[in-house]
Amino acid sequence: MEHMLRATLLGLRIAELMGVDQAGRGRIYYANLLAWIGCHADSFELAALFGDDIGFRSDYYLLDAHGLPMLSLMLRHTGAELPRWQRAVRRSEFAATANTAVKSLIRSHCTSAGQLANRVGLDHGMPAILNNTFERWDGKGLPAGKSGVQIPLEMRIAQLADTAEVFLRTAGLEAATATVADRRGTQFDPAVADLFCERAKELTAGLLELDPWPAALAAAPHDAPLTDAELDAVLAAIGDFADLKSPFTAGHSRAVASLAAATAGECGLTAAEQQALRRAGWTHDLGRMGVSNAIWDKKLALSAVDRERLQMYPYLSERILGRVPGMRKVAELAGAHHERLDGSGYPRGISGADLSTSHRILAAADAYQTYLEPRPHRPEMTPLQAQLRLREEVRCGRLDGHLADAVLVAAGQRQALRRSLPAGLTSRELEVLRLLCQGMNNKGIAESLVIAPKTARNHVEHIYQKIGAGNRVAATLFALDNGLWERTGSRPLR
């Protein structure tokens, strides 16, 4: 957690001591943050070769990765989940094609990182810098075998900071310094390595104790806030990359974002609520990056441990987004997209009145879109099959029926909804009910709606009669249970 943020801060400290100018420090900032993003995009291919993609990358840091040590690492992970004889065959096959396979993966990695840099509007030179992520000072890296100063200084600093942070965090300052010294002149630029070893205590002071999120945000090269349009472009790009975790999910997040926002419009939610749902749709699957493709791409039934790991990913999405200023509402929606009305969802088992209208819309939109897509254990469903599956979830009490209907309307699977409301409430009574939930008395309701107090009293009496409530508390619980009012006080379902 937060590895690349701390590596970024360490890289900037090194750059400052080396006298790198402001523009160069900006490139180092983004090189550190993006250097490993490409590995996410090729997780499917990596897992096909080495099983647990996350475990493989973790072990990668432990060696000066080239030649026989690197081949040994790859062979150790190849076919690890297979019976012994099948493992031997798989390893023999891989050894014969290892160089070609690894070069292909690394090219894919570097290209993917560069594409994301372009999508989010970074310096046009960033892709060229990121192409050197796996090059080495001694020329034994990949894919081009560059050496020495052929590798941009920004990447030479980022490479050292990346590795040094891992050893600092897992084994301490002495181990970090020893590793950098040991790889001086092989993996790392001797000048950068010498500086780190000489000033290691100063460079790493407090690095593990500080909260890296605000520190990294404060160090950002551009401190102007993004416009709404710029933020939307970044979030859409991030969502596309999250979906690249597996070929089965390509395009999933942008489809969910579009469907959730359209459903919110169908239900009469405000523009702000539609925007939050669209952004949550783009980013709800960010946490998929924290779960191995050995689980995502598994064709057989998941074990209890596999399922427990998988069910943490919405929490990871919320954790990532929740650290970004101004994104807490989006984070909270994204983190709850697998929660269900009956409490059977995950990761927290939230249920009923604790799930707002927006929560329920995102859950139904994500479920419907997922049914339309293939998964390792099943083929994609037709729109009719997906509709029937969605209705079954409603019948079992897991999804909101009214909002599932709205999703189907937004997806073009049903005619526009009659805006019918529970218990035969009228639109005006719904407005009155919402004000009741906010604690208003008859006089306050009358003033808010510009009606006579007697009319307000009549509306309240009719509401109580229709919903079987005798006071405001019962009316509020009815509204919450039926998704007619949110605790945030936002506009109710229409």
Protein backbone atom coordinates (compact mmCIF):
# COMPACT_ATOMS: atom_id res chain seq x y z
CA MET A 1 0.00 0.00 0.00
CA GLU A 2 1.27 3.48 -1.02
CA HIS A 3 4.57 2.05 -2.30
CA MET A 4 4.71 4.24 -5.40
CA LEU A 5 3.76 7.36 -3.42
CA ARG A 6 6.68 6.85 -1.05
CA ALA A 7 8.99 6.00 -3.95
CA THR A 8 7.92 9.23 -5.62
CA LEU A 9 8.76 11.27 -2.54
CA LEU A 10 12.14 9.53 -2.25
CA GLY A 11 12.86 10.15 -5.93
CA LEU A 12 12.10 13.85 -5.51
CA ARG A 13 14.45 14.06 -2.52
CA ILE A 14 17.23 12.47 -4.57
CA ALA A 15 16.51 14.83 -7.49
CA GLU A 16 16.72 17.87 -5.21
CA LEU A 17 20.14 16.82 -3.89
CA MET A 18 21.32 16.23 -7.45
CA GLY A 19 20.23 19.72 -8.49
CA VAL A 20 17.63 18.57 -11.01
CA ASP A 21 15.57 21.53 -12.26
CA GLN A 22 11.86 21.97 -11.67
CA ALA A 23 10.82 20.53 -15.04
CA GLY A 24 12.96 17.47 -14.46
CA ARG A 25 11.52 16.96 -10.99
CA GLY A 26 8.05 17.06 -12.54
CA ARG A 27 9.00 14.30 -14.94
CA ILE A 28 10.50 12.26 -12.07
CA TYR A 29 7.25 12.70 -10.14
CA TYR A 30 5.17 11.15 -12.90
CA ALA A 31 7.79 8.57 -13.91
CA ASN A 32 7.69 7.16 -10.38
CA LEU A 33 3.89 7.14 -10.20
CA LEU A 34 3.39 5.58 -13.63
CA ALA A 35 6.39 3.27 -14.01
CA TRP A 36 4.50 0.20 -12.81
CA ILE A 37 1.02 0.99 -14.11
CA GLY A 38 1.74 -0.97 -17.29
CA CYS A 39 2.14 -4.17 -15.29
CA HIS A 40 -1.53 -3.93 -14.42
CA ALA A 41 -2.48 -3.89 -18.09
CA ASP A 42 -0.55 -7.10 -18.82
CA SER A 43 -1.63 -8.95 -15.67
CA PHE A 44 -3.63 -11.46 -17.71
CA GLU A 45 -0.60 -12.46 -19.78
CA LEU A 46 1.72 -12.43 -16.78
CA ALA A 47 -0.61 -14.64 -14.74
CA ALA A 48 -0.94 -17.05 -17.67
CA LEU A 49 2.83 -17.53 -17.51
CA PHE A 50 3.58 -17.28 -13.80
CA GLY A 51 0.33 -17.83 -11.89
CA ASP A 52 -0.01 -15.20 -9.16
CA ASP A 53 0.94 -11.96 -10.94
CA ILE A 54 1.13 -9.96 -7.71
CA GLY A 55 3.32 -12.57 -6.00
CA PHE A 56 5.64 -12.67 -9.01
CA ARG A 57 6.14 -8.92 -8.98
CA SER A 58 6.81 -8.98 -5.25
CA ASP A 59 9.59 -11.55 -5.71
CA TYR A 60 11.03 -9.56 -8.63
CA TYR A 61 12.34 -6.92 -6.23
CA LEU A 62 14.42 -9.46 -4.31
CA LEU A 63 17.03 -9.98 -7.01
CA ASP A 64 19.21 -8.04 -9.41
CA ALA A 65 16.88 -9.10 -12.20
CA HIS A 66 18.89 -10.29 -15.21
CA GLY A 67 20.48 -13.43 -16.57
CA LEU A 68 20.28 -16.67 -14.63
CA PRO A 69 18.77 -15.17 -11.42
CA MET A 70 15.89 -13.77 -13.48
CA LEU A 71 15.42 -17.02 -15.39
CA SER A 72 15.42 -18.91 -12.09
CA LEU A 73 12.70 -16.61 -10.71
CA MET A 74 10.52 -17.11 -13.77
CA LEU A 75 10.93 -20.87 -13.78
CA ARG A 76 10.14 -21.04 -10.07
CA HIS A 77 6.79 -19.32 -10.71
CA THR A 78 5.98 -21.14 -13.97
CA GLY A 79 3.34 -23.80 -13.43
CA ALA A 80 3.63 -23.57 -9.64
CA GLU A 81 -0.04 -24.50 -9.26
CA LEU A 82 0.24 -27.62 -11.46
CA PRO A 83 1.04 -31.24 -10.53
CA ARG A 84 4.75 -32.04 -10.63
CA TRP A 85 4.90 -33.66 -14.07
CA GLN A 86 2.80 -30.96 -15.72
CA ARG A 87 4.91 -28.32 -14.01
CA ALA A 88 8.08 -29.83 -15.49
CA VAL A 89 6.59 -29.81 -18.99
CA ARG A 90 5.39 -26.21 -18.63
CA ARG A 91 8.80 -25.06 -17.41
CA SER A 92 10.59 -26.77 -20.28
CA GLU A 93 8.26 -25.10 -22.77
CA PHE A 94 8.74 -21.70 -21.15
CA ALA A 95 12.54 -21.99 -21.01
CA ALA A 96 12.62 -22.44 -24.78
CA THR A 97 10.73 -19.19 -25.41
CA ALA A 98 11.53 -17.15 -22.29
CA ASN A 99 13.44 -14.32 -23.96
CA THR A 100 10.75 -13.67 -26.56
CA ALA A 101 7.93 -13.90 -24.04
CA VAL A 102 9.55 -11.52 -21.56
CA LYS A 103 10.43 -8.97 -24.23
CA SER A 104 6.83 -9.01 -25.40
CA LEU A 105 5.53 -8.45 -21.86
CA ILE A 106 7.92 -5.59 -21.22
CA ARG A 107 7.09 -3.85 -24.49
CA SER A 108 3.41 -4.16 -23.62
CA HIS A 109 4.05 -2.82 -20.13
CA CYS A 110 5.96 0.24 -21.34
CA THR A 111 3.50 0.99 -24.12
CA SER A 112 0.55 0.77 -21.74
CA ALA A 113 2.15 3.15 -19.24
CA GLY A 114 2.88 5.62 -22.01
CA GLN A 115 -0.68 5.44 -23.28
CA LEU A 116 -2.07 6.29 -19.85
CA ALA A 117 0.35 9.22 -19.59
CA ASN A 118 -1.02 10.54 -22.88
CA ARG A 119 -4.65 9.91 -21.91
CA VAL A 120 -4.38 12.01 -18.75
CA GLY A 121 -2.58 14.86 -20.53
CA LEU A 122 0.95 14.60 -19.14
CA ASP A 123 4.18 15.85 -20.72
CA HIS A 124 4.47 14.48 -24.27
CA GLY A 125 7.94 13.19 -23.38
CA MET A 126 6.66 10.89 -20.63
CA PRO A 127 6.07 7.80 -22.86
CA ALA A 128 9.69 7.92 -24.04
CA ILE A 129 10.88 8.03 -20.42
CA LEU A 130 8.57 5.19 -19.38
CA ASN A 131 9.88 3.02 -22.22
CA ASN A 132 13.07 2.67 -20.14
CA THR A 133 11.44 1.23 -17.02
CA PHE A 134 13.23 -2.14 -17.40
CA GLU A 135 16.49 -0.92 -18.93
CA ARG A 136 19.64 -1.22 -16.81
CA TRP A 137 22.82 0.81 -16.40
CA ASP A 138 24.92 -2.21 -17.49
CA GLY A 139 22.93 -2.68 -20.72
CA LYS A 140 21.45 -6.04 -19.69
CA GLY A 141 17.89 -4.78 -19.45
CA LEU A 142 14.95 -4.93 -21.83
CA PRO A 143 13.46 -4.29 -24.31
CA ALA A 144 16.20 -2.32 -26.13
CA GLY A 145 19.30 -3.13 -24.04
CA LYS A 146 20.13 0.54 -23.47
CA SER A 147 22.95 1.36 -21.08
CA GLY A 148 24.43 4.22 -19.08
CA VAL A 149 23.26 7.70 -19.93
CA GLN A 150 21.18 6.38 -22.82
CA ILE A 151 18.60 5.85 -20.09
CA PRO A 152 16.96 9.18 -19.13
CA LEU A 153 18.06 10.53 -15.75
CA GLU A 154 14.42 10.69 -14.64
CA MET A 155 14.10 6.91 -15.03
CA ARG A 156 17.48 6.20 -13.44
CA ILE A 157 16.34 8.03 -10.32
CA ALA A 158 12.89 6.44 -10.39
CA GLN A 159 14.35 2.93 -10.68
CA LEU A 160 16.54 3.36 -7.62
CA ALA A 161 13.81 5.02 -5.55
CA ASP A 162 11.38 2.23 -6.43
CA THR A 163 13.68 -0.55 -5.21
CA ALA A 164 15.12 1.33 -2.25
CA GLU A 165 11.64 1.98 -0.83
CA VAL A 166 10.79 -1.73 -0.87
CA PHE A 167 13.89 -2.71 1.11
CA LEU A 168 13.59 0.29 3.45
CA ARG A 169 10.01 -0.68 4.31
CA THR A 170 10.50 -4.43 4.55
CA ALA A 171 14.02 -4.76 5.97
CA GLY A 172 15.22 -1.35 7.16
CA LEU A 173 17.67 1.37 6.16
CA GLU A 174 20.75 -0.83 6.35
CA ALA A 175 19.23 -3.38 3.97
CA ALA A 176 18.12 -0.66 1.55
CA THR A 177 21.59 0.87 1.49
CA ALA A 178 23.28 -2.52 1.07
CA THR A 179 20.99 -3.45 -1.84
CA VAL A 180 21.63 -0.18 -3.65
CA ALA A 181 25.39 -0.54 -3.11
CA ASP A 182 25.30 -4.14 -4.34
CA ARG A 183 23.49 -3.12 -7.55
CA ARG A 184 25.66 -0.05 -8.18
CA GLY A 185 26.85 -0.11 -11.78
CA THR A 186 24.61 -3.06 -12.73
CA GLN A 187 20.97 -2.08 -12.27
CA PHE A 188 21.63 1.45 -11.00
CA ASP A 189 23.50 4.54 -12.15
CA PRO A 190 26.69 4.66 -10.00
CA ALA A 191 26.32 8.40 -9.35
CA VAL A 192 22.72 8.05 -8.13
CA ALA A 193 23.62 4.97 -6.09
CA ASP A 194 26.59 6.72 -4.45
CA LEU A 195 24.45 9.71 -3.52
CA PHE A 196 21.83 7.49 -1.97
CA CYS A 197 24.36 5.47 0.04
CA GLU A 198 26.14 8.58 1.29
CA ARG A 199 22.95 10.44 2.24
CA ALA A 200 20.58 7.52 2.90
CA LYS A 201 19.65 8.55 6.43
CA GLU A 202 18.83 12.09 5.31
CA LEU A 203 16.97 10.96 2.18
CA THR A 204 14.75 8.49 4.02
CA ALA A 205 14.13 10.50 7.20
CA GLY A 206 10.48 10.14 8.21
CA LEU A 207 9.53 8.53 4.91
CA LEU A 208 7.82 5.55 6.51
CA GLU A 209 6.11 7.59 9.23
CA LEU A 210 4.45 10.31 7.15
CA ASP A 211 1.11 9.98 5.38
CA PRO A 212 2.26 9.77 1.75
CA TRP A 213 -1.03 10.91 0.20
CA PRO A 214 -1.04 14.57 1.27
CA ALA A 215 2.75 14.68 0.94
CA ALA A 216 2.60 13.42 -2.66
CA LEU A 217 -0.28 15.75 -3.52
CA ALA A 218 1.64 18.69 -2.09
CA ALA A 219 4.64 17.75 -4.23
CA ALA A 220 2.64 17.60 -7.47
CA PRO A 221 4.20 19.70 -10.26
CA HIS A 222 0.88 21.35 -11.12
CA ASP A 223 -1.14 22.59 -8.17
CA ALA A 224 -4.07 24.08 -10.12
CA PRO A 225 -7.26 22.07 -9.47
CA LEU A 226 -8.70 20.16 -12.41
CA THR A 227 -11.83 21.44 -14.07
CA ASP A 228 -14.83 19.11 -14.07
CA ALA A 229 -14.11 18.19 -17.70
CA GLU A 230 -10.44 17.48 -16.96
CA LEU A 231 -11.31 15.39 -13.92
CA ASP A 232 -13.85 13.41 -15.93
CA ALA A 233 -11.22 12.69 -18.60
CA VAL A 234 -8.76 11.44 -15.98
CA LEU A 235 -11.34 9.27 -14.22
CA ALA A 236 -12.53 7.77 -17.51
CA ALA A 237 -8.94 6.93 -18.44
CA ILE A 238 -8.32 5.36 -15.04
CA GLY A 239 -11.50 3.30 -15.39
CA ASP A 240 -10.40 1.99 -18.78
CA PHE A 241 -7.07 0.92 -17.28
CA ALA A 242 -8.74 -0.77 -14.32
CA ASP A 243 -10.75 -2.81 -16.81
CA LEU A 244 -7.55 -3.99 -18.52
CA LYS A 245 -6.85 -6.17 -15.48
CA SER A 246 -8.62 -8.91 -17.44
CA PRO A 247 -9.78 -9.12 -21.08
CA PHE A 248 -13.15 -10.24 -19.73
CA THR A 249 -13.81 -6.76 -18.30
CA ALA A 250 -12.60 -4.50 -21.13
CA GLY A 251 -14.96 -1.52 -21.40
CA HIS A 252 -16.93 -2.52 -18.30
CA SER A 253 -16.44 0.66 -16.27
CA ARG A 254 -17.35 3.11 -19.02
CA ALA A 255 -20.50 1.07 -19.74
CA VAL A 256 -21.49 1.05 -16.06
CA ALA A 257 -20.81 4.80 -15.78
CA SER A 258 -23.05 5.56 -18.76
CA LEU A 259 -25.81 3.22 -17.58
CA ALA A 260 -25.78 4.45 -13.96
CA ALA A 261 -25.90 8.11 -14.99
CA ALA A 262 -28.71 7.46 -17.48
CA THR A 263 -30.65 5.58 -14.81
CA ALA A 264 -30.19 8.45 -12.38
CA GLY A 265 -31.62 10.78 -15.01
CA GLU A 266 -34.56 8.42 -15.56
CA CYS A 267 -35.23 8.53 -11.81
CA GLY A 268 -35.08 12.31 -11.58
CA LEU A 269 -31.90 12.61 -9.54
CA THR A 270 -30.07 15.93 -9.58
CA ALA A 271 -27.26 16.76 -11.99
CA ALA A 272 -24.78 16.50 -9.11
CA GLU A 273 -26.03 13.00 -8.23
CA GLN A 274 -25.83 11.94 -11.87
CA GLN A 275 -22.26 13.24 -12.02
CA ALA A 276 -21.28 11.36 -8.85
CA LEU A 277 -22.75 8.13 -10.22
CA ARG A 278 -20.97 8.55 -13.55
CA ARG A 279 -17.65 9.07 -11.76
CA ALA A 280 -18.29 6.15 -9.42
CA GLY A 281 -19.06 4.02 -12.47
CA TRP A 282 -15.74 4.91 -14.06
CA THR A 283 -13.77 4.11 -10.92
CA HIS A 284 -15.70 1.43 -9.00
CA ASP A 285 -13.35 -1.35 -10.12
CA LEU A 286 -10.03 0.32 -9.28
CA GLY A 287 -9.58 -2.13 -6.42
CA ARG A 288 -9.42 -5.02 -8.89
CA MET A 289 -5.72 -4.18 -9.20
CA GLY A 290 -5.19 -5.43 -5.65
CA VAL A 291 -6.43 -8.96 -6.41
CA SER A 292 -4.35 -11.48 -8.33
CA ASN A 293 -5.39 -12.60 -11.80
CA ALA A 294 -4.94 -16.13 -10.51
CA ILE A 295 -8.34 -15.43 -8.92
CA TRP A 296 -9.95 -13.17 -11.53
CA ASP A 297 -9.22 -15.53 -14.41
CA LYS A 298 -9.97 -18.79 -12.60
CA LYS A 299 -12.41 -21.03 -14.49
CA LEU A 300 -13.14 -23.36 -11.58
CA ALA A 301 -15.11 -22.54 -8.45
CA LEU A 302 -13.30 -20.18 -6.09
CA SER A 303 -12.07 -21.44 -2.74
CA ALA A 304 -13.20 -19.74 0.46
CA VAL A 305 -9.85 -17.94 0.68
CA ASP A 306 -10.06 -16.83 -2.97
CA ARG A 307 -13.55 -15.47 -2.39
CA GLU A 308 -12.46 -13.61 0.72
CA ARG A 309 -9.65 -11.92 -1.20
CA LEU A 310 -11.92 -11.05 -4.10
CA GLN A 311 -14.55 -9.53 -1.83
CA MET A 312 -12.06 -6.97 -0.54
CA TYR A 313 -11.66 -5.21 -3.86
CA PRO A 314 -14.57 -2.71 -3.49
CA TYR A 315 -12.98 -1.65 -0.20
CA LEU A 316 -9.71 -1.05 -2.04
CA SER A 317 -11.56 1.10 -4.61
CA GLU A 318 -13.03 3.18 -1.80
CA ARG A 319 -9.68 3.40 -0.02
CA ILE A 320 -7.93 4.75 -3.11
CA LEU A 321 -10.62 7.25 -4.08
CA GLY A 322 -11.29 8.36 -0.51
CA ARG A 323 -7.80 9.83 -0.21
CA VAL A 324 -8.40 12.24 -3.09
CA PRO A 325 -9.84 15.63 -2.05
CA GLY A 326 -13.35 16.14 -3.36
CA MET A 327 -13.90 12.46 -4.20
CA ARG A 328 -15.34 11.11 -0.96
CA LYS A 329 -18.91 10.81 -2.21
CA VAL A 330 -17.68 9.02 -5.30
CA ALA A 331 -15.48 6.78 -3.13
CA GLU A 332 -18.38 5.85 -0.87
CA LEU A 333 -20.57 4.93 -3.86
CA ALA A 334 -17.82 2.93 -5.53
CA GLY A 335 -17.04 1.01 -2.36
CA ALA A 336 -20.64 -0.15 -2.00
CA HIS A 337 -21.44 -1.30 -5.53
CA HIS A 338 -21.53 -4.96 -4.44
CA GLU A 339 -23.66 -4.37 -1.33
CA ARG A 340 -27.18 -5.79 -1.43
CA LEU A 341 -30.50 -4.88 0.20
CA ASP A 342 -30.68 -8.13 2.17
CA GLY A 343 -27.16 -7.73 3.59
CA SER A 344 -25.70 -10.52 1.46
CA GLY A 345 -23.29 -8.24 -0.42
CA TYR A 346 -19.70 -7.27 0.27
CA PRO A 347 -17.35 -6.01 1.59
CA ARG A 348 -19.32 -4.70 4.62
CA GLY A 349 -22.70 -6.44 4.39
CA ILE A 350 -24.60 -3.12 4.38
CA SER A 351 -28.35 -3.51 3.92
CA GLY A 352 -31.75 -1.85 3.59
CA ALA A 353 -32.08 1.75 4.66
CA ASP A 354 -28.30 2.22 4.75
CA LEU A 355 -28.23 1.96 0.96
CA SER A 356 -29.32 5.18 -0.71
CA THR A 357 -30.98 5.55 -4.09
CA SER A 358 -27.60 6.19 -5.69
CA HIS A 359 -26.13 3.07 -4.06
CA ARG A 360 -29.00 0.99 -5.38
CA ILE A 361 -28.72 2.39 -8.90
CA LEU A 362 -24.99 1.65 -9.13
CA ALA A 363 -25.48 -1.87 -7.77
CA ALA A 364 -28.19 -2.67 -10.32
CA ALA A 365 -26.32 -1.04 -13.23
CA ASP A 366 -23.10 -2.90 -12.41
CA ALA A 367 -24.95 -6.21 -12.03
CA TYR A 368 -26.80 -5.85 -15.35
CA GLN A 369 -23.67 -4.84 -17.26
CA THR A 370 -21.71 -7.72 -15.71
CA TYR A 371 -24.29 -10.22 -16.91
CA LEU A 372 -23.81 -8.96 -20.48
CA GLU A 373 -20.07 -9.70 -20.35
CA PRO A 374 -18.25 -13.05 -20.48
CA ARG A 375 -16.40 -14.33 -17.45
CA PRO A 376 -13.89 -17.20 -17.19
CA HIS A 377 -16.55 -19.49 -15.71
CA ARG A 378 -19.46 -18.57 -18.04
CA PRO A 379 -20.26 -17.05 -21.45
CA GLU A 380 -21.85 -13.64 -21.84
CA MET A 381 -25.62 -13.42 -21.48
CA THR A 382 -28.03 -12.02 -24.04
CA PRO A 383 -29.90 -8.84 -23.03
CA LEU A 384 -33.00 -10.96 -22.34
CA GLN A 385 -31.03 -13.40 -20.18
CA ALA A 386 -29.42 -10.48 -18.33
CA GLN A 387 -32.83 -8.93 -17.75
CA LEU A 388 -34.21 -12.17 -16.33
CA ARG A 389 -31.17 -12.57 -14.09
CA LEU A 390 -31.59 -9.02 -12.82
CA ARG A 391 -35.25 -9.66 -12.07
CA GLU A 392 -34.27 -12.80 -10.15
CA GLU A 393 -31.96 -10.70 -7.96
CA VAL A 394 -34.93 -8.41 -7.30
CA ARG A 395 -37.20 -11.35 -6.48
CA CYS A 396 -34.66 -12.64 -3.96
CA GLY A 397 -34.58 -9.25 -2.24
CA ARG A 398 -31.03 -8.33 -3.19
CA LEU A 399 -31.71 -5.46 -5.59
CA ASP A 400 -34.31 -2.66 -5.62
CA GLY A 401 -37.10 -3.58 -8.04
CA HIS A 402 -38.05 -0.03 -9.04
CA LEU A 403 -34.45 0.91 -9.73
CA ALA A 404 -33.72 -2.34 -11.55
CA ASP A 405 -36.63 -1.42 -13.84
CA ALA A 406 -35.07 2.02 -14.31
CA VAL A 407 -31.75 0.39 -15.29
CA LEU A 408 -33.55 -1.71 -17.88
CA VAL A 409 -35.28 1.38 -19.26
CA ALA A 410 -31.93 3.20 -19.48
CA ALA A 411 -30.46 0.14 -21.23
CA GLY A 412 -33.32 0.13 -23.74
CA GLN A 413 -34.76 -3.13 -22.46
CA ARG A 414 -38.09 -1.76 -21.21
CA GLN A 415 -40.47 1.05 -22.04
CA ALA A 416 -40.22 4.22 -19.99
CA LEU A 417 -41.42 3.76 -16.45
CA ARG A 418 -44.61 5.09 -15.08
CA ARG A 419 -43.40 7.11 -12.18
CA SER A 420 -45.43 5.06 -9.72
CA LEU A 421 -44.50 5.34 -6.08
CA PRO A 422 -44.92 2.96 -3.15
CA ALA A 423 -48.24 2.94 -1.27
CA GLY A 424 -49.87 5.06 -3.94
CA LEU A 425 -48.08 8.24 -2.90
CA THR A 426 -48.40 11.21 -5.23
CA SER A 427 -45.48 13.38 -6.32
CA ARG A 428 -46.62 16.14 -3.95
CA GLU A 429 -46.91 13.69 -1.07
CA LEU A 430 -43.41 12.52 -1.83
CA GLU A 431 -42.15 16.09 -1.47
CA VAL A 432 -43.98 16.39 1.84
CA LEU A 433 -42.57 13.05 3.02
CA ARG A 434 -39.05 14.19 2.29
CA LEU A 435 -39.56 17.34 4.36
CA LEU A 436 -41.02 15.24 7.15
CA CYS A 437 -37.85 13.15 7.11
CA GLN A 438 -35.85 16.35 7.56
CA GLY A 439 -37.79 17.05 10.77
CA MET A 440 -40.07 19.80 9.54
CA ASN A 441 -43.46 20.38 11.18
CA ASN A 442 -46.62 21.34 9.30
CA LYS A 443 -45.78 25.03 9.39
CA GLY A 444 -42.27 24.43 8.02
CA ILE A 445 -43.60 22.20 5.28
CA ALA A 446 -46.17 24.82 4.30
CA GLU A 447 -43.51 27.55 4.10
CA SER A 448 -41.13 25.37 2.10
CA LEU A 449 -43.76 24.36 -0.46
CA VAL A 450 -45.61 27.68 -0.41
CA ILE A 451 -48.91 26.08 0.56
CA ALA A 452 -51.40 26.68 3.38
CA PRO A 453 -50.63 25.04 6.76
CA LYS A 454 -53.99 23.26 6.60
CA THR A 455 -53.04 21.78 3.20
CA ALA A 456 -49.70 20.64 4.61
CA ARG A 457 -51.51 18.99 7.54
CA ASN A 458 -53.87 17.19 5.16
CA HIS A 459 -50.93 15.90 3.11
CA VAL A 460 -49.21 14.57 6.23
CA GLU A 461 -52.39 12.81 7.38
CA HIS A 462 -52.87 11.22 3.96
CA ILE A 463 -49.24 10.05 3.92
CA TYR A 464 -49.56 8.46 7.35
CA GLN A 465 -52.75 6.72 6.28
CA LYS A 466 -51.27 5.38 3.02
CA ILE A 467 -48.01 4.06 4.49
CA GLY A 468 -49.45 2.86 7.79
CA ALA A 469 -47.33 5.22 9.89
CA GLY A 470 -48.31 7.04 13.05
CA ASN A 471 -45.43 9.49 13.42
CA ARG A 472 -42.40 11.04 11.72
CA VAL A 473 -40.04 8.25 12.82
CA ALA A 474 -42.15 5.55 11.16
CA ALA A 475 -42.55 7.72 8.05
CA THR A 476 -38.78 8.24 7.87
CA LEU A 477 -38.09 4.53 8.13
CA PHE A 478 -40.63 3.89 5.36
CA ALA A 479 -38.88 6.44 3.14
CA LEU A 480 -35.45 4.95 3.80
CA ASP A 481 -36.59 1.38 3.26
CA ASN A 482 -38.12 2.31 -0.09
CA GLY A 483 -35.25 4.43 -1.35
CA LEU A 484 -37.37 7.60 -1.32
CA TRP A 485 -35.00 9.72 0.71
CA GLU A 486 -31.26 9.84 1.37
CA ARG A 487 -29.64 10.89 4.61
CA THR A 488 -27.61 13.43 2.64
CA GLY A 489 -30.85 15.30 2.01
CA SER A 490 -30.45 15.01 -1.76
CA ARG A 491 -33.37 14.90 -4.11
CA PRO A 492 -35.57 11.78 -3.68
CA LEU A 493 -36.52 9.25 -6.30
CA ARG A 494 -39.18 10.51 -8.66
